[in-house]
């Protein structure tokens, strides 16, 4: 019966599938990204407050959201602000 090859004792080379790729340095974001994100957050809060403070007959008679247009629009702008801030590096 043939003998199997003898393995080397000591340090073994890591296999290609076992090594992690070298870490990549992320590219810093543009300076307008945090400014836009914070502006959208502040704008979303302002829209929500305006929806509560400025309720009038025009806002109550909107066909889609009725009197909740301030909440819907404000939360949409807040979500957009959070999405922009996730791109900030």
C-alpha atoms as a PDB file:
ATOM      1  CA  UNK A   1       0.000   0.000   0.000  1.00  0.00           C
ATOM      2  CA  UNK A   2       1.434   3.448  -0.934  1.00  0.00           C
ATOM      3  CA  UNK A   3       2.173   5.861   1.845  1.00  0.00           C
ATOM      4  CA  UNK A   4       0.567   9.305   1.942  1.00  0.00           C
ATOM      5  CA  UNK A   5       2.726  12.389   1.630  1.00  0.00           C
ATOM      6  CA  UNK A   6       4.175  13.647   4.855  1.00  0.00           C
ATOM      7  CA  UNK A   7       2.889  17.027   6.001  1.00  0.00           C
ATOM      8  CA  UNK A   8       5.336  19.670   7.032  1.00  0.00           C
ATOM      9  CA  UNK A   9       5.521  20.376  10.733  1.00  0.00           C
ATOM     10  CA  UNK A  10       5.448  23.962  11.880  1.00  0.00           C
ATOM     11  CA  UNK A  11       4.039  27.037  10.188  1.00  0.00           C
ATOM     12  CA  UNK A  12       1.605  26.384   7.374  1.00  0.00           C
ATOM     13  CA  UNK A  13       0.555  28.832   4.716  1.00  0.00           C
ATOM     14  CA  UNK A  14      -3.057  30.002   4.981  1.00  0.00           C
ATOM     15  CA  UNK A  15      -5.245  28.930   2.115  1.00  0.00           C
ATOM     16  CA  UNK A  16      -6.586  31.535  -0.263  1.00  0.00           C
ATOM     17  CA  UNK A  17     -10.152  31.074   0.935  1.00  0.00           C
ATOM     18  CA  UNK A  18      -9.063  31.459   4.572  1.00  0.00           C
ATOM     19  CA  UNK A  19      -7.384  34.832   4.268  1.00  0.00           C
ATOM     20  CA  UNK A  20      -9.380  38.004   4.654  1.00  0.00           C
ATOM     21  CA  UNK A  21      -9.054  40.676   1.986  1.00  0.00           C
ATOM     22  CA  UNK A  22      -6.995  43.696   2.992  1.00  0.00           C
ATOM     23  CA  UNK A  23      -9.082  46.447   4.604  1.00  0.00           C
ATOM     24  CA  UNK A  24     -10.042  49.264   2.280  1.00  0.00           C
ATOM     25  CA  UNK A  25      -9.956  52.840   3.468  1.00  0.00           C
ATOM     26  CA  UNK A  26     -13.377  54.399   2.829  1.00  0.00           C
ATOM     27  CA  UNK A  27     -13.456  57.533   0.734  1.00  0.00           C
ATOM     28  CA  UNK A  28     -14.577  60.499   2.861  1.00  0.00           C
ATOM     29  CA  UNK A  29     -17.918  61.956   1.902  1.00  0.00           C
ATOM     30  CA  UNK A  30     -18.447  65.375   0.422  1.00  0.00           C
ATOM     31  CA  UNK A  31     -18.883  68.247   2.895  1.00  0.00           C
ATOM     32  CA  UNK A  32     -22.468  68.856   1.772  1.00  0.00           C
ATOM     33  CA  UNK A  33     -23.654  65.409   2.942  1.00  0.00           C
ATOM     34  CA  UNK A  34     -23.844  66.129   6.708  1.00  0.00           C
ATOM     35  CA  UNK A  35     -25.176  69.618   6.072  1.00  0.00           C
ATOM     36  CA  UNK A  36     -27.960  68.263   3.876  1.00  0.00           C
ATOM     37  CA  UNK A  37     -28.780  65.475   6.345  1.00  0.00           C
ATOM     38  CA  UNK A  38     -29.053  67.807   9.325  1.00  0.00           C
ATOM     39  CA  UNK A  39     -31.010  70.295   7.224  1.00  0.00           C
ATOM     40  CA  UNK A  40     -33.488  67.597   6.245  1.00  0.00           C
ATOM     41  CA  UNK A  41     -33.896  66.540   9.883  1.00  0.00           C
ATOM     42  CA  UNK A  42     -34.572  70.106  10.978  1.00  0.00           C
ATOM     43  CA  UNK A  43     -36.877  70.636   7.995  1.00  0.00           C
ATOM     44  CA  UNK A  44     -38.846  67.493   8.834  1.00  0.00           C
ATOM     45  CA  UNK A  45     -39.432  68.659  12.391  1.00  0.00           C
ATOM     46  CA  UNK A  46     -40.425  72.090  11.066  1.00  0.00           C
ATOM     47  CA  UNK A  47     -42.939  70.536   8.667  1.00  0.00           C
ATOM     48  CA  UNK A  48     -44.475  68.445  11.456  1.00  0.00           C
ATOM     49  CA  UNK A  49     -44.782  71.509  13.674  1.00  0.00           C
ATOM     50  CA  UNK A  50     -46.220  73.577  10.822  1.00  0.00           C
ATOM     51  CA  UNK A  51     -48.786  70.849  10.172  1.00  0.00           C
ATOM     52  CA  UNK A  52     -50.010  71.083  13.745  1.00  0.00           C
ATOM     53  CA  UNK A  53     -49.799  74.840  14.120  1.00  0.00           C
ATOM     54  CA  UNK A  54     -51.169  75.868  10.735  1.00  0.00           C
ATOM     55  CA  UNK A  55     -54.215  73.621  10.418  1.00  0.00           C
ATOM     56  CA  UNK A  56     -56.828  75.426   8.380  1.00  0.00           C
ATOM     57  CA  UNK A  57     -59.650  74.468   6.048  1.00  0.00           C
ATOM     58  CA  UNK A  58     -57.303  73.963   3.118  1.00  0.00           C
ATOM     59  CA  UNK A  59     -55.220  71.412   5.013  1.00  0.00           C
ATOM     60  CA  UNK A  60     -58.259  69.546   6.354  1.00  0.00           C
ATOM     61  CA  UNK A  61     -59.734  69.095   2.902  1.00  0.00           C
ATOM     62  CA  UNK A  62     -56.734  67.532   1.189  1.00  0.00           C
ATOM     63  CA  UNK A  63     -57.979  64.428  -0.591  1.00  0.00           C
ATOM     64  CA  UNK A  64     -55.134  62.032   0.244  1.00  0.00           C
ATOM     65  CA  UNK A  65     -53.999  62.633   3.802  1.00  0.00           C
ATOM     66  CA  UNK A  66     -56.564  65.076   5.127  1.00  0.00           C
ATOM     67  CA  UNK A  67     -55.345  66.899   8.200  1.00  0.00           C
ATOM     68  CA  UNK A  68     -52.330  64.569   8.569  1.00  0.00           C
ATOM     69  CA  UNK A  69     -50.356  66.076   5.701  1.00  0.00           C
ATOM     70  CA  UNK A  70     -47.873  67.583   8.150  1.00  0.00           C
ATOM     71  CA  UNK A  71     -47.120  64.220   9.754  1.00  0.00           C
ATOM     72  CA  UNK A  72     -46.772  62.376   6.468  1.00  0.00           C
ATOM     73  CA  UNK A  73     -44.623  65.020   4.822  1.00  0.00           C
ATOM     74  CA  UNK A  74     -42.533  65.597   7.941  1.00  0.00           C
ATOM     75  CA  UNK A  75     -41.794  61.923   8.457  1.00  0.00           C
ATOM     76  CA  UNK A  76     -40.925  61.539   4.772  1.00  0.00           C
ATOM     77  CA  UNK A  77     -38.385  64.368   5.074  1.00  0.00           C
ATOM     78  CA  UNK A  78     -37.042  62.910   8.354  1.00  0.00           C
ATOM     79  CA  UNK A  79     -36.539  59.516   6.703  1.00  0.00           C
ATOM     80  CA  UNK A  80     -34.754  61.205   3.798  1.00  0.00           C
ATOM     81  CA  UNK A  81     -32.479  62.955   6.304  1.00  0.00           C
ATOM     82  CA  UNK A  82     -31.599  59.678   8.011  1.00  0.00           C
ATOM     83  CA  UNK A  83     -30.901  58.045   4.648  1.00  0.00           C
ATOM     84  CA  UNK A  84     -28.554  60.876   3.675  1.00  0.00           C
ATOM     85  CA  UNK A  85     -26.755  60.663   7.033  1.00  0.00           C
ATOM     86  CA  UNK A  86     -26.101  56.942   6.555  1.00  0.00           C
ATOM     87  CA  UNK A  87     -23.863  57.941   3.611  1.00  0.00           C
ATOM     88  CA  UNK A  88     -21.723  60.214   5.806  1.00  0.00           C
ATOM     89  CA  UNK A  89     -18.177  58.901   6.386  1.00  0.00           C
END
